[in-house]
């Protein structure tokens, strides 16, 4: 027998259930949107200095005419320079190692903060003894004028990033090499061999990714091809919510196209039309998952043997920045720093 009251109650129950589900979905979407907006808005202050006016006593602005062929570039994109331009000991070590090993190449350390050189900054003042080290200011917006990233920068899309300081660094490394050619190095890369004579190269950091921590794009045909493809990939595929998508992701996707392979371990100079892709041993002999080995005294001898053929080491600052190097210890990072950036290393009292 057909039971209409029961069916009616069942329909009403289903309608109420669907309404409740809809309310929950809408609430969660709004909640996630609010969280996303909060994360984005809470990070904008980290790059507020990018849009401040240059002062009379600000660091000397980069003049494109002073950039020589195959220069080495570092980029410091934080705004932590209200009391004057400064660097950490470890950042200074990266710069000193590059300056020592490449005396015939110009080193440019580019700051986005329009700050000044303070007499109290001992690390900065130590670099005055190096004739090839140049500390320069770049205006974030003006620097992109008449480049493929002009519209991207003007749109202020970088402010939507959850990691704007890191993503600005990604942007500026590709933009700088597009403008001038040469070598880009992260400020947590300590060189152990000269880069003079090397051109058009990158290095893989894992079996699935090419690193963006060291890049060299020459101004020849293949160098320009890699540079153009990289900078256009950044502009077209920028993703604000992924830390590595706009750095390693850009150069990996670029070389997959140019080398015609999706396997980074198959990328070689022949497949990549003259562009060299070094293996992990060149700059990433210790993977990011094993970064603690740079600080472990128990395995120091084995690690130092592993590093002996490397061009440089990337010490994975994102993970390791709060882990101390005790002066006098056999921690591998400390042993490398003591040898390749002796002046900066000597400034450390008990901890580097």
Protein backbone atom coordinates (compact mmCIF):
# COMPACT_ATOMS: atom_id res chain seq x y z
CA UNK A 1 0.00 0.00 0.00
CA UNK A 2 1.35 3.46 -0.94
CA UNK A 3 2.32 5.45 2.21
CA UNK A 4 2.18 9.12 1.26
CA UNK A 5 2.92 10.56 4.79
CA UNK A 6 6.07 8.44 5.01
CA UNK A 7 7.19 9.45 1.51
CA UNK A 8 6.50 13.09 2.29
CA UNK A 9 8.59 12.94 5.46
CA UNK A 10 11.37 11.22 3.54
CA UNK A 11 11.40 13.92 0.85
CA UNK A 12 11.41 16.69 3.46
CA UNK A 13 14.27 14.99 5.28
CA UNK A 14 16.29 14.72 2.06
CA UNK A 15 15.68 18.37 1.21
CA UNK A 16 16.78 19.47 4.69
CA UNK A 17 19.85 17.23 4.43
CA UNK A 18 20.82 18.70 1.04
CA UNK A 19 20.31 22.22 2.36
CA UNK A 20 22.58 21.49 5.33
CA UNK A 21 25.24 20.03 3.02
CA UNK A 22 25.03 23.13 0.80
CA UNK A 23 25.41 25.42 3.81
CA UNK A 24 28.47 23.48 5.00
CA UNK A 25 30.07 23.61 1.52
CA UNK A 26 29.45 27.34 1.14
CA UNK A 27 30.76 28.00 4.65
CA UNK A 28 33.93 26.00 4.01
CA UNK A 29 34.53 27.74 0.69
CA UNK A 30 34.15 31.12 2.35
CA UNK A 31 36.35 30.01 5.23
CA UNK A 32 39.09 28.78 2.89
CA UNK A 33 38.83 31.97 0.88
CA UNK A 34 39.18 34.00 4.08
CA UNK A 35 42.20 31.97 5.15
CA UNK A 36 43.78 32.45 1.72
CA UNK A 37 43.14 36.19 1.85
CA UNK A 38 44.58 36.31 5.36
CA UNK A 39 47.74 34.47 4.33
CA UNK A 40 48.23 36.68 1.31
CA UNK A 41 47.52 39.94 3.08
CA UNK A 42 49.68 38.96 6.05
CA UNK A 43 52.71 38.53 3.77
CA UNK A 44 52.47 41.80 1.84
CA UNK A 45 54.36 43.74 4.47
CA UNK A 46 57.41 41.56 3.81
CA UNK A 47 57.97 43.31 0.48
CA UNK A 48 56.67 46.78 1.36
CA UNK A 49 60.14 48.27 0.86
CA UNK A 50 60.02 47.36 -2.84
CA UNK A 51 57.72 50.31 -3.41
CA UNK A 52 59.45 52.87 -1.19
CA UNK A 53 61.31 55.85 -2.62
CA UNK A 54 65.09 55.77 -2.86
CA UNK A 55 66.74 58.14 -0.38
CA UNK A 56 69.73 60.40 -0.98
CA UNK A 57 71.94 58.14 1.13
CA UNK A 58 70.62 54.89 -0.35
CA UNK A 59 72.96 52.30 -1.77
CA UNK A 60 74.26 53.17 -5.23
CA UNK A 61 71.78 52.07 -7.90
CA UNK A 62 72.91 49.51 -10.46
CA UNK A 63 74.03 51.05 -13.74
CA UNK A 64 73.59 48.55 -16.61
CA UNK A 65 76.74 49.90 -18.24
CA UNK A 66 78.90 48.70 -15.33
CA UNK A 67 77.84 45.07 -15.77
CA UNK A 68 80.60 43.16 -17.54
CA UNK A 69 80.33 39.90 -19.46
CA UNK A 70 79.75 36.77 -17.37
CA UNK A 71 79.31 38.63 -14.09
CA UNK A 72 78.10 36.77 -11.00
CA UNK A 73 74.89 37.93 -9.34
CA UNK A 74 73.44 37.47 -5.88
CA UNK A 75 70.01 38.87 -4.98
CA UNK A 76 68.90 39.87 -1.47
CA UNK A 77 65.12 40.38 -1.52
CA UNK A 78 64.25 40.87 2.14
CA UNK A 79 63.24 44.22 3.62
CA UNK A 80 65.26 43.69 6.81
CA UNK A 81 67.51 46.68 6.20
CA UNK A 82 65.87 49.60 8.03
CA UNK A 83 69.08 50.24 9.99
CA UNK A 84 71.28 49.88 6.93
CA UNK A 85 72.17 47.20 4.42
CA UNK A 86 73.30 44.06 6.19
CA UNK A 87 74.03 40.41 5.54
CA UNK A 88 74.32 37.35 7.73
CA UNK A 89 77.67 35.63 8.15
CA UNK A 90 76.49 32.78 5.96
CA UNK A 91 75.35 35.12 3.19
CA UNK A 92 78.68 36.89 3.43
CA UNK A 93 80.44 33.55 3.14
CA UNK A 94 78.71 32.79 -0.16
CA UNK A 95 79.80 36.14 -1.58
CA UNK A 96 83.38 35.87 -0.32
CA UNK A 97 83.80 32.38 -1.78
CA UNK A 98 82.65 33.66 -5.18
CA UNK A 99 84.94 36.70 -4.99
CA UNK A 100 87.99 34.68 -3.94
CA UNK A 101 87.62 31.99 -6.59
CA UNK A 102 86.67 34.32 -9.45
CA UNK A 103 88.98 37.35 -9.16
CA UNK A 104 88.54 38.24 -12.83
CA UNK A 105 84.75 38.31 -12.68
CA UNK A 106 82.59 41.09 -11.28
CA UNK A 107 80.33 40.12 -8.38
CA UNK A 108 77.09 42.08 -8.02
CA UNK A 109 75.04 41.79 -4.84
CA UNK A 110 71.65 43.30 -5.63
CA UNK A 111 69.41 44.68 -2.88
CA UNK A 112 65.75 45.55 -3.42
CA UNK A 113 65.54 47.53 -0.17
CA UNK A 114 66.41 51.22 -0.78
CA UNK A 115 68.63 51.39 2.30
CA UNK A 116 72.11 52.70 3.05
CA UNK A 117 75.51 51.34 4.05
CA UNK A 118 75.97 51.66 7.78
CA UNK A 119 79.41 52.00 9.34
CA UNK A 120 78.16 49.56 11.97
CA UNK A 121 77.75 46.75 9.44
CA UNK A 122 81.04 44.94 9.85
CA UNK A 123 80.20 42.24 7.30
CA UNK A 124 79.32 44.75 4.59
CA UNK A 125 82.42 46.83 5.28
CA UNK A 126 84.67 43.78 4.95
CA UNK A 127 83.73 43.61 1.28
CA UNK A 128 85.38 46.97 0.63
CA UNK A 129 88.67 45.07 0.37
CA UNK A 130 87.38 43.20 -2.69
CA UNK A 131 87.66 45.20 -5.89
CA UNK A 132 85.34 42.80 -7.71
CA UNK A 133 82.44 42.94 -5.21
CA UNK A 134 79.78 45.54 -5.99
CA UNK A 135 76.81 46.16 -3.68
CA UNK A 136 73.97 47.75 -5.63
CA UNK A 137 70.34 48.79 -5.23
CA UNK A 138 67.71 47.92 -7.85
CA UNK A 139 64.24 49.43 -8.02
CA UNK A 140 61.88 46.47 -8.24
CA UNK A 141 59.43 48.15 -10.63
CA UNK A 142 61.88 50.13 -12.78
CA UNK A 143 64.21 47.14 -13.14
CA UNK A 144 61.50 45.29 -15.08
CA UNK A 145 60.78 48.09 -17.57
CA UNK A 146 61.03 47.04 -21.22
CA UNK A 147 61.32 43.35 -20.32
CA UNK A 148 58.90 40.41 -20.63
CA UNK A 149 58.13 40.80 -16.91
CA UNK A 150 57.12 44.47 -17.01
CA UNK A 151 53.37 43.78 -17.01
CA UNK A 152 53.70 41.06 -14.38
CA UNK A 153 55.57 43.37 -12.00
CA UNK A 154 53.23 46.30 -12.70
CA UNK A 155 50.23 44.11 -11.83
CA UNK A 156 51.70 43.60 -8.33
CA UNK A 157 50.83 39.91 -8.59
CA UNK A 158 53.88 39.14 -6.48
CA UNK A 159 52.00 40.54 -3.47
CA UNK A 160 49.51 37.66 -3.68
CA UNK A 161 52.25 35.15 -2.92
CA UNK A 162 52.42 33.23 0.33
CA UNK A 163 56.21 33.52 -0.06
CA UNK A 164 56.70 36.93 -1.70
CA UNK A 165 60.34 37.35 -0.68
CA UNK A 166 61.27 33.96 -2.13
CA UNK A 167 59.18 34.43 -5.27
CA UNK A 168 60.65 37.90 -5.82
CA UNK A 169 64.06 36.25 -5.69
CA UNK A 170 62.92 33.74 -8.31
CA UNK A 171 61.67 36.57 -10.50
CA UNK A 172 64.83 38.63 -10.18
CA UNK A 173 67.24 35.79 -10.96
CA UNK A 174 65.54 35.06 -14.29
CA UNK A 175 65.08 38.75 -15.04
CA UNK A 176 68.71 39.60 -14.25
CA UNK A 177 70.08 36.84 -16.46
CA UNK A 178 67.68 37.87 -19.22
CA UNK A 179 69.00 41.44 -19.01
CA UNK A 180 72.72 40.74 -18.71
CA UNK A 181 73.56 37.07 -19.03
CA UNK A 182 76.07 35.64 -16.55
CA UNK A 183 75.71 33.55 -13.41
CA UNK A 184 73.14 33.67 -10.65
CA UNK A 185 73.94 32.12 -7.25
CA UNK A 186 71.80 31.70 -4.15
CA UNK A 187 73.15 33.28 -0.98
CA UNK A 188 73.46 29.85 0.62
CA UNK A 189 75.81 28.44 -2.02
CA UNK A 190 79.48 28.25 -1.04
CA UNK A 191 81.75 27.87 -4.06
CA UNK A 192 84.70 25.50 -3.90
CA UNK A 193 85.93 25.90 -7.48
CA UNK A 194 86.10 28.76 -9.95
CA UNK A 195 83.29 29.36 -12.43
CA UNK A 196 85.61 31.09 -14.90
CA UNK A 197 85.42 29.39 -18.27
CA UNK A 198 82.00 27.85 -17.59
CA UNK A 199 78.91 29.05 -19.42
CA UNK A 200 75.36 27.93 -20.13
CA UNK A 201 74.76 25.55 -17.26
CA UNK A 202 72.42 24.53 -14.48
CA UNK A 203 72.46 21.64 -12.03
CA UNK A 204 69.90 19.07 -11.00
CA UNK A 205 68.96 18.92 -7.32
CA UNK A 206 67.08 15.61 -7.43
CA UNK A 207 66.01 12.95 -9.91
CA UNK A 208 62.93 15.00 -10.76
CA UNK A 209 64.04 18.63 -10.60
CA UNK A 210 66.61 21.02 -12.02
CA UNK A 211 67.81 23.50 -9.39
CA UNK A 212 67.52 27.27 -9.73
CA UNK A 213 70.15 27.90 -7.03
CA UNK A 214 72.87 28.24 -9.67
CA UNK A 215 72.18 29.29 -13.25
CA UNK A 216 74.37 30.54 -16.06
CA UNK A 217 72.85 31.89 -19.25
CA UNK A 218 75.30 33.20 -21.82
CA UNK A 219 74.28 35.80 -24.40
CA UNK A 220 74.80 33.36 -27.28
CA UNK A 221 72.01 31.54 -29.13
CA UNK A 222 71.34 28.72 -26.66
CA UNK A 223 71.78 31.02 -23.67
CA UNK A 224 69.20 33.43 -25.06
CA UNK A 225 66.85 30.56 -25.87
CA UNK A 226 66.98 29.24 -22.30
CA UNK A 227 66.67 32.75 -20.88
CA UNK A 228 63.71 33.72 -23.06
CA UNK A 229 61.89 30.46 -22.41
CA UNK A 230 62.48 30.74 -18.65
CA UNK A 231 61.29 34.31 -18.27
CA UNK A 232 58.18 33.69 -20.37
CA UNK A 233 57.39 30.55 -18.39
CA UNK A 234 57.62 32.57 -15.18
CA UNK A 235 55.22 35.21 -16.50
CA UNK A 236 52.74 32.71 -17.95
CA UNK A 237 52.74 30.03 -15.26
CA UNK A 238 53.35 31.96 -12.03
CA UNK A 239 51.68 30.21 -9.10
CA UNK A 240 51.47 32.09 -5.80
CA UNK A 241 50.75 29.13 -3.53
CA UNK A 242 53.66 26.84 -4.37
CA UNK A 243 57.09 27.66 -2.94
CA UNK A 244 59.18 25.96 -5.64
CA UNK A 245 56.96 26.26 -8.71
CA UNK A 246 58.45 29.59 -9.83
CA UNK A 247 62.11 28.74 -9.32
CA UNK A 248 63.15 25.12 -9.84
CA UNK A 249 59.83 24.59 -11.59
CA UNK A 250 60.60 27.25 -14.20
CA UNK A 251 64.04 25.98 -15.17
CA UNK A 252 62.88 22.34 -15.07
CA UNK A 253 59.96 23.02 -17.43
CA UNK A 254 62.21 25.13 -19.66
CA UNK A 255 64.83 22.43 -20.07
CA UNK A 256 62.22 19.73 -20.56
CA UNK A 257 61.15 21.66 -23.66
CA UNK A 258 64.62 22.50 -24.94
CA UNK A 259 66.15 19.08 -24.22
CA UNK A 260 62.99 17.28 -25.40
CA UNK A 261 62.84 15.00 -22.36
CA UNK A 262 60.85 14.84 -19.14
CA UNK A 263 63.68 13.03 -17.36
CA UNK A 264 66.13 15.48 -15.80
CA UNK A 265 68.68 12.70 -15.40
CA UNK A 266 68.71 12.31 -19.20
CA UNK A 267 69.50 15.98 -19.81
CA UNK A 268 72.99 16.42 -21.24
CA UNK A 269 74.86 18.90 -23.40
CA UNK A 270 74.02 17.05 -26.61
CA UNK A 271 70.28 16.73 -25.94
CA UNK A 272 70.10 20.27 -24.60
CA UNK A 273 71.66 21.90 -27.68
CA UNK A 274 74.88 22.91 -25.92
CA UNK A 275 73.40 23.73 -22.51
CA UNK A 276 75.08 21.79 -19.69
CA UNK A 277 73.03 20.21 -16.90
CA UNK A 278 75.36 19.08 -14.12
CA UNK A 279 74.48 16.13 -11.91
CA UNK A 280 73.75 16.51 -8.21
CA UNK A 281 77.43 16.07 -7.34
CA UNK A 282 78.26 19.52 -8.77
CA UNK A 283 76.23 21.70 -6.38
CA UNK A 284 73.87 19.42 -4.45
CA UNK A 285 76.05 16.50 -3.28
CA UNK A 286 73.90 16.42 -0.15
CA UNK A 287 70.16 16.36 -0.88
CA UNK A 288 67.69 18.57 0.97
CA UNK A 289 66.36 15.53 2.82
CA UNK A 290 69.85 14.95 4.25
CA UNK A 291 70.77 18.59 4.95
CA UNK A 292 71.65 17.77 8.58
CA UNK A 293 74.75 15.96 7.31
CA UNK A 294 76.35 19.38 6.79
CA UNK A 295 76.12 19.87 10.57
CA UNK A 296 76.86 16.34 11.78
CA UNK A 297 80.33 15.73 13.21
CA UNK A 298 79.86 11.95 13.41
CA UNK A 299 79.77 11.55 9.62
CA UNK A 300 82.06 14.48 8.81
CA UNK A 301 84.84 12.47 7.14
CA UNK A 302 82.44 10.63 4.83
CA UNK A 303 80.66 13.86 3.88
CA UNK A 304 83.90 15.71 3.14
CA UNK A 305 84.94 12.89 0.79
CA UNK A 306 81.58 13.23 -0.96
CA UNK A 307 82.16 16.97 -1.44
CA UNK A 308 85.69 16.79 -2.82
CA UNK A 309 84.69 16.94 -6.51
CA UNK A 310 81.89 19.49 -6.10
CA UNK A 311 82.01 22.94 -7.67
CA UNK A 312 80.10 24.29 -4.70
CA UNK A 313 77.65 23.25 -2.01
CA UNK A 314 74.08 24.35 -1.43
CA UNK A 315 73.40 24.21 2.29
CA UNK A 316 69.59 24.38 2.11
CA UNK A 317 69.11 27.54 4.14
CA UNK A 318 65.32 27.11 4.20
CA UNK A 319 65.84 24.11 6.45
CA UNK A 320 69.24 24.76 8.03
CA UNK A 321 69.27 28.48 8.88
CA UNK A 322 68.68 27.97 12.60
CA UNK A 323 71.17 25.11 13.01
CA UNK A 324 74.46 26.40 14.47
CA UNK A 325 78.00 25.76 13.31
CA UNK A 326 80.22 25.68 16.38
CA UNK A 327 83.63 27.22 15.79
CA UNK A 328 86.36 24.59 16.08
CA UNK A 329 84.04 21.67 15.36
CA UNK A 330 84.34 19.23 12.47
CA UNK A 331 80.92 20.07 11.07
CA UNK A 332 81.32 19.84 7.25
CA UNK A 333 79.69 23.19 6.49
CA UNK A 334 82.06 24.87 8.94
CA UNK A 335 85.11 23.15 7.44
CA UNK A 336 84.11 24.32 3.94
CA UNK A 337 83.40 27.86 5.15
CA UNK A 338 86.70 28.12 7.02
CA UNK A 339 88.57 27.24 3.82
CA UNK A 340 86.59 29.15 1.18
CA UNK A 341 85.39 32.23 3.08
CA UNK A 342 88.12 32.62 5.72
CA UNK A 343 87.65 36.36 6.35
CA UNK A 344 83.91 36.15 7.02
CA UNK A 345 84.30 32.90 8.95
CA UNK A 346 86.90 34.52 11.21
CA UNK A 347 84.29 37.09 12.26
CA UNK A 348 82.24 34.42 14.02
CA UNK A 349 82.96 34.38 17.74
CA UNK A 350 81.63 31.00 18.85
CA UNK A 351 78.89 30.20 16.36
CA UNK A 352 78.81 30.64 12.58
